[in-house]
Protein backbone atom coordinates (compact mmCIF):
# COMPACT_ATOMS: atom_id res chain seq x y z
CA MET A 1 274.77 51.78 165.21
CA PRO A 2 276.87 54.36 163.91
CA ASP A 3 279.41 56.71 166.36
CA PRO A 4 277.55 59.72 166.87
CA VAL A 5 280.88 61.65 166.75
CA ASP A 6 281.62 60.55 162.77
CA PHE A 7 277.54 61.39 162.31
CA VAL A 8 277.95 64.95 163.52
CA ALA A 9 281.36 65.73 161.66
CA ARG A 10 279.66 64.38 158.65
CA LEU A 11 276.79 66.80 158.73
CA ARG A 12 279.32 69.69 159.49
CA MET A 13 281.35 68.71 156.32
CA GLU A 14 278.01 68.26 154.10
CA SER A 15 277.20 72.15 155.68
CA ARG A 16 280.60 73.17 154.15
CA ASP A 17 280.03 71.69 150.84
CA PRO A 18 279.24 74.07 148.15
CA GLY A 19 277.21 72.08 146.21
CA ARG A 20 274.57 71.69 148.89
CA GLU A 21 272.64 74.76 148.49
CA GLU A 22 272.29 74.12 145.31
CA ALA A 23 271.07 70.69 145.50
CA LEU A 24 268.70 72.11 148.43
CA ARG A 25 267.22 74.23 145.62
CA GLN A 26 266.68 71.32 142.87
CA ASP A 27 264.89 69.72 145.26
CA ARG A 28 262.26 71.96 146.22
CA LEU A 29 261.57 72.75 142.69
CA ARG A 30 261.20 69.27 141.95
CA ARG A 31 258.52 68.95 145.06
CA MET A 32 256.94 72.35 143.68
CA ARG A 33 256.22 70.94 140.55
CA LYS A 34 254.69 67.76 141.70
CA ARG A 35 252.82 70.10 143.94
CA THR A 36 251.60 72.01 140.89
CA LEU A 37 250.89 69.50 138.58
CA GLY A 38 248.73 67.65 141.26
CA ALA A 39 246.75 70.71 141.36
CA GLY A 40 246.11 71.54 137.95
CA ALA A 41 244.88 67.97 136.96
CA ALA A 42 242.78 68.02 139.85
CA VAL A 43 241.51 71.62 138.46
CA ALA A 44 241.27 70.45 134.89
CA LEU A 45 239.20 67.12 135.65
CA ALA A 46 236.79 69.09 138.31
CA GLY A 47 236.18 71.49 134.90
CA VAL A 48 236.03 69.56 132.31
CA ILE A 49 233.64 67.04 134.82
CA THR A 50 231.61 70.58 135.70
CA TRP A 51 231.14 71.85 131.94
CA ALA A 52 229.75 68.48 130.70
CA LEU A 53 226.88 67.86 133.87
CA VAL A 54 226.11 71.50 133.45
CA SER A 55 225.97 71.20 129.44
CA ALA A 56 223.89 67.83 129.93
CA LEU A 57 220.90 69.57 131.92
CA GLY A 58 221.18 72.35 129.85
CA GLU A 59 221.69 75.01 132.56
CA ARG A 60 224.49 76.83 130.04
CA PRO A 61 224.31 77.78 126.24
CA ALA A 62 225.69 75.01 124.09
CA ASP A 63 227.97 77.71 122.65
CA GLU A 64 229.15 78.92 125.76
CA PRO A 65 232.58 78.04 126.39
CA PHE A 66 234.15 76.68 129.94
CA ALA A 67 237.52 75.37 130.22
CA PRO A 68 238.16 75.99 126.51
CA GLY A 69 242.33 75.01 127.02
CA LEU A 70 241.10 72.18 127.65
CA LEU A 71 239.45 70.92 125.20
CA GLU A 72 241.10 70.35 121.47
CA GLU A 73 239.22 71.93 118.70
CA ALA A 74 238.21 68.90 116.37
CA MET A 75 236.69 68.11 119.84
CA TRP A 76 234.63 71.32 120.10
CA PRO A 77 230.85 70.81 120.27
CA ALA A 78 228.83 70.76 116.72
CA GLU A 79 227.14 74.84 118.26
CA TRP A 80 230.00 76.49 118.29
CA PRO A 81 231.14 78.03 115.14
CA ALA A 82 234.22 77.52 112.99
CA THR A 83 237.51 78.91 113.11
CA THR A 84 240.23 80.01 110.85
CA ASN A 85 242.06 77.23 112.51
CA MET A 86 239.65 74.56 110.58
CA PRO A 87 237.20 76.27 108.36
CA PHE A 88 235.40 72.83 107.82
CA ARG A 89 235.31 71.81 111.64
CA GLY A 90 232.13 68.99 111.78
CA SER A 91 231.00 69.74 108.10
CA PRO A 92 230.67 67.00 105.37
CA ALA A 93 232.41 69.24 102.98
CA ALA A 94 236.13 68.96 104.95
CA PRO A 95 237.10 66.52 102.40
CA TRP A 96 235.47 68.27 99.02
CA ALA A 97 237.51 69.25 96.06
CA THR A 98 239.57 72.16 97.39
CA SER A 99 240.45 73.48 93.39
CA GLY A 100 238.64 73.28 90.09
CA GLN A 101 240.97 70.82 89.05
CA ASP A 102 240.29 68.50 91.86
CA ILE A 103 236.38 68.45 90.18
CA GLU A 104 236.02 64.92 88.49
CA LEU A 105 234.57 64.22 85.79
CA PRO A 106 232.71 61.52 84.28
CA PRO A 107 233.99 58.92 81.46
CA ALA A 108 233.05 61.02 78.28
CA GLU A 109 231.72 58.66 75.83
CA ALA A 110 230.47 59.22 71.98
CA VAL A 111 226.64 60.55 72.17
CA GLY A 112 225.67 59.89 68.67
CA PRO A 113 227.65 61.15 66.03
CA ILE A 114 229.71 63.28 68.87
CA PRO A 115 232.93 61.86 69.54
CA SER A 116 233.84 61.03 73.02
CA PRO A 117 236.81 63.51 72.46
CA VAL A 118 234.33 66.30 72.07
CA VAL A 119 231.82 65.37 74.81
CA GLY A 120 235.08 65.12 77.14
CA ASP A 121 235.85 68.89 75.65
CA GLY A 122 232.31 69.59 76.85
CA LEU A 123 232.92 68.52 79.89
CA ARG A 124 236.41 70.38 80.60
CA ARG A 125 234.90 73.69 79.16
CA VAL A 126 231.78 73.29 82.31
CA ARG A 127 234.39 72.60 84.86
CA GLU A 128 236.44 75.74 83.46
CA PHE A 129 233.11 77.88 83.59
CA LEU A 130 232.16 76.49 87.52
CA THR A 131 235.88 77.12 88.41
CA ALA A 132 235.50 80.32 86.88
CA ALA A 133 232.46 81.56 88.34
CA ASP A 134 232.43 80.04 91.44
CA MET A 135 235.78 79.04 92.76
CA ASP A 136 238.18 82.13 90.91
CA PRO A 137 240.02 83.50 93.91
CA GLY A 138 239.57 87.36 92.11
CA VAL A 139 235.39 86.69 91.75
CA LEU A 140 234.62 85.96 95.51
CA GLU A 141 236.85 89.07 96.35
CA GLY A 142 234.43 91.42 94.26
CA GLY A 143 235.85 90.58 90.61
CA LEU A 144 233.83 90.71 87.78
CA PRO A 145 233.44 87.35 86.54
CA THR A 146 235.17 87.80 83.12
CA LYS A 147 236.79 84.26 82.58
CA ALA A 148 233.25 82.99 82.76
CA LEU A 149 231.57 85.20 80.75
CA ASP A 150 234.23 84.49 77.85
CA LEU A 151 233.31 80.98 78.17
CA LEU A 152 229.90 81.69 77.13
CA ASP A 153 228.15 82.06 73.43
CA PRO A 154 227.89 85.79 73.26
CA GLY A 155 224.89 85.83 70.97
CA HIS A 156 222.66 83.97 73.28
CA PRO A 157 220.14 86.69 75.05
CA ALA A 158 221.29 85.18 78.35
CA THR A 159 224.91 85.69 77.72
CA ALA A 160 223.65 89.88 77.99
CA ALA A 161 221.19 89.38 80.17
CA LEU A 162 223.93 87.94 82.90
CA ALA A 163 226.25 90.68 82.06
CA GLU A 164 223.56 93.13 82.38
CA HIS A 165 222.75 91.95 86.16
CA LEU A 166 226.06 92.13 86.82
CA ARG A 167 226.74 95.78 85.92
CA ASN A 168 223.45 96.49 87.48
CA PRO A 169 222.96 94.49 90.63
CA GLY A 170 220.26 96.89 91.87
CA ALA A 171 218.24 97.25 88.77
CA PRO A 172 214.25 95.64 89.30
CA ASN A 173 214.37 91.97 88.07
CA THR A 174 218.36 91.47 88.47
CA ASP A 175 219.85 88.77 90.43
CA ALA A 176 223.45 88.89 89.89
CA LEU A 177 223.91 85.83 92.28
CA GLU A 178 222.00 83.32 89.71
CA MET A 179 225.47 81.85 88.28
CA PHE A 180 228.68 83.88 90.26
CA THR A 181 229.28 83.90 93.56
CA ARG A 182 230.96 86.92 94.86
CA PHE A 183 231.36 88.73 98.67
CA ASP A 184 231.92 92.29 99.43
CA PRO A 185 235.87 93.03 99.81
CA GLU A 186 235.34 96.03 102.16
CA SER A 187 233.85 93.47 104.07
CA LEU A 188 234.80 89.67 103.55
CA THR A 189 237.87 87.70 102.63
CA LEU A 190 237.73 83.89 101.71
CA ALA A 191 239.60 82.15 105.10
CA ASP A 192 242.81 80.05 104.17
CA ARG A 193 241.78 76.77 103.44
CA GLY A 194 238.33 77.84 103.23
CA LEU A 195 237.03 76.68 99.94
CA ARG A 196 235.16 73.58 98.63
CA ALA A 197 233.23 72.21 96.19
CA HIS A 198 231.47 68.61 95.40
CA GLY A 199 228.84 67.44 92.73
CA ARG A 200 228.44 65.96 89.54
CA MET A 201 227.85 65.90 85.79
CA ALA A 202 225.74 64.31 83.24
CA TYR A 203 225.34 64.77 79.38
CA GLU A 204 223.22 64.41 76.62
CA ALA A 205 222.69 65.07 72.99
CA ALA A 206 221.13 68.36 72.88
CA PRO A 207 217.76 68.61 70.68
CA ASN A 208 219.42 70.51 67.41
CA PRO A 209 217.33 72.64 65.43
CA ALA A 210 219.41 71.50 61.82
CA ALA A 211 216.72 70.61 59.27
CA ASP A 212 218.75 67.22 58.95
CA GLY A 213 218.01 66.70 62.70
CA VAL A 214 221.80 65.29 63.79
CA ALA A 215 222.85 66.19 67.15
CA ARG A 216 225.90 68.74 66.60
CA GLN A 217 226.04 70.13 70.08
CA VAL A 218 226.12 68.85 74.48
CA ARG A 219 223.64 69.30 76.83
CA ILE A 220 225.79 68.94 80.15
CA HIS A 221 224.02 68.85 83.30
CA ALA A 222 226.13 70.33 86.01
CA ASP A 223 224.53 69.57 90.13
CA TYR A 224 227.42 71.02 92.43
CA THR A 225 227.57 72.27 96.09
CA PHE A 226 230.16 75.01 97.07
CA ALA A 227 231.08 75.61 100.58
CA TYR A 228 232.82 78.64 101.57
CA ALA A 229 234.29 80.14 105.12
CA LEU A 230 234.88 83.61 104.86
CA ARG A 231 236.70 86.14 107.53
CA ARG A 232 235.93 90.10 108.72
CA THR A 233 238.32 92.10 106.08
CA ALA A 234 238.69 94.87 108.89
CA GLU A 235 238.02 93.47 112.22
CA PRO A 236 238.26 89.80 112.66
CA GLN A 237 235.31 88.28 114.48
CA PRO A 238 236.40 86.99 117.82
CA GLY A 239 235.94 82.90 118.30
CA PRO A 240 234.61 80.84 120.67
CA THR A 241 238.10 81.42 122.86
CA SER A 242 240.28 84.33 123.29
CA ASP A 243 243.03 83.42 120.88
CA THR A 244 240.55 81.93 117.83
CA GLU A 245 239.30 83.99 115.60
CA GLU A 246 235.48 82.86 113.57
CA VAL A 247 234.66 82.02 110.41
CA ALA A 248 230.83 82.44 108.70
CA ARG A 249 230.14 79.50 106.37
CA VAL A 250 228.00 79.98 102.80
CA VAL A 251 227.00 77.04 101.04
CA VAL A 252 225.98 77.58 97.49
CA ARG A 253 224.15 74.69 95.22
CA ARG A 254 224.21 75.18 91.36
CA HIS A 255 222.34 73.18 89.08
CA LEU A 256 222.89 74.57 85.16
CA VAL A 257 222.25 73.28 82.15
CA LEU A 258 224.69 74.20 79.62
CA ASP A 259 224.78 73.33 75.82
CA PHE A 260 228.60 73.04 74.16
CA ASP A 261 229.14 73.56 70.85
CA PRO A 262 232.27 72.04 69.63
CA ALA A 263 231.98 74.62 66.15
CA THR A 264 232.61 77.09 68.81
CA GLY A 265 233.98 75.98 71.97
CA ARG A 266 231.38 78.13 74.05
CA LEU A 267 228.62 77.60 76.41
CA ALA A 268 224.67 78.49 76.08
CA PRO A 269 222.77 78.68 79.13
CA VAL A 270 219.71 76.85 78.81
CA GLU A 271 219.01 76.76 82.14
CA TYR A 272 220.59 77.78 85.96
CA ARG A 273 218.96 77.69 89.37
CA ARG A 274 220.80 78.34 92.61
CA ARG A 275 220.09 77.79 96.42
CA LEU A 276 222.16 80.36 99.14
CA ALA A 277 222.42 78.69 102.80
CA ASN A 278 223.44 81.36 105.01
CA HIS A 279 222.76 84.56 103.51
CA ASP A 280 220.68 87.54 104.59
CA CYS A 281 218.40 87.46 101.02
CA GLY A 282 216.66 90.77 102.97
CA ALA A 283 219.80 92.68 102.24
CA ALA A 284 219.53 95.71 99.43
CA ALA A 285 221.23 93.42 95.91
CA ASP A 286 224.19 94.49 95.42
CA GLY A 287 225.68 91.53 94.08
CA PHE A 288 227.25 89.92 96.95
CA VAL A 289 226.49 87.15 99.56
CA HIS A 290 226.25 88.56 102.92
CA PRO A 291 226.74 85.57 105.41
CA TYR A 292 225.65 85.78 109.46
CA PHE A 293 228.41 85.21 111.65
CA SER A 294 227.04 83.24 114.63
CA LYS A 295 225.95 86.16 117.21
CA GLU A 296 224.30 87.74 114.59
CA ALA A 297 222.42 84.51 112.96
CA LYS A 298 221.00 84.24 116.67
CA ARG A 299 219.39 87.95 116.63
CA ALA A 300 218.22 88.04 113.02
CA HIS A 301 215.09 87.44 111.83
CA ARG A 302 214.86 84.90 109.30
CA PRO A 303 211.76 84.10 107.29
CA TRP A 304 213.12 81.95 105.26
CA PRO A 305 212.70 77.63 105.06
CA VAL A 306 215.14 76.11 107.55
CA ALA A 307 217.47 73.12 105.07
CA ASP A 308 220.55 71.09 105.46
CA PRO A 309 222.41 72.91 102.74
CA TYR A 310 224.50 69.56 102.04
CA GLU A 311 221.21 67.44 100.85
CA GLU A 312 222.18 66.67 97.41
CA ALA A 313 218.76 63.99 96.97
CA ASP A 314 216.67 66.67 96.55
CA ASP A 315 216.40 68.64 92.97
CA LEU A 316 216.39 72.55 92.54
CA THR A 317 212.67 72.69 91.08
CA VAL A 318 211.86 75.71 89.44
CA GLY A 319 209.90 78.52 91.93
CA GLY A 320 211.85 76.65 94.78
CA PRO A 321 213.22 78.66 97.94
CA THR A 322 216.36 80.59 96.53
CA CYS A 323 217.39 81.20 100.13
CA THR A 324 217.39 78.73 103.10
CA VAL A 325 218.11 78.78 106.61
CA PRO A 326 221.22 76.09 107.46
CA SER A 327 220.48 73.74 109.70
CA ARG A 328 223.98 73.71 110.35
CA THR A 329 226.79 74.87 107.93
């Protein structure tokens, strides 16, 4: 048993130790951190459990956040709108091509008397057109698709009609969106990493009216879907949490039939159809796509058919709907 006198003497020495107060302060901090972390973990766990239970019971809107800081954005419910952080979260478009050069072309093979290099030229020219019409940043921000128009045969009636529709989008029987995708730069801008494209091409010999009946042009069928994530230009649209910004996603599917003339290097429009998802088709025709953000979509009257905008199995039939309410974006 230690000597009481020695014990008291040791306490007196420790009390006069200059590092004693600092050691006691560090000890108090360690104990406070442990208590805080323990309480925080308990609150966090309770929050997640409550959110899961209440959401499962259907007593809260699916897109109303609860303790959002506890959930990584990749794990957010599908009902929550996408944000600038992950503009294609939960969308099948996420792994698609992000630029025109990323669009893959089918192998070029000879078509009758037309050699494979010429067929390859035609396929590349159609890819140029798709890029200039639906992926060019200047066009998406409201500019005229000059490069795309320059790829078309200037003597073809459809070329003149397309140019006229762009110049006067509000005129009767005009549709400036029939072959081009543009957004109003005063209200919208493309989000960073907010563009995706996916589709396929096929080709055949084009019917030739020449007397000898020899095919000299390539007819190319292009069926492509473009997905866009857009931000408000002037005032950001708040996202599901206070530190996020919402994006509106638009999906445009286009089916084009174009004849490539190797002699001129130009394309002639034969047929073109499109379908827009998440566009206000009741808005005044001004040559721009007008998407809904999440709160607007809930309040709006959208009388158009509901469809999956990523479904590519069905054909865009003549006379079919050109505007749909997306079942998902």
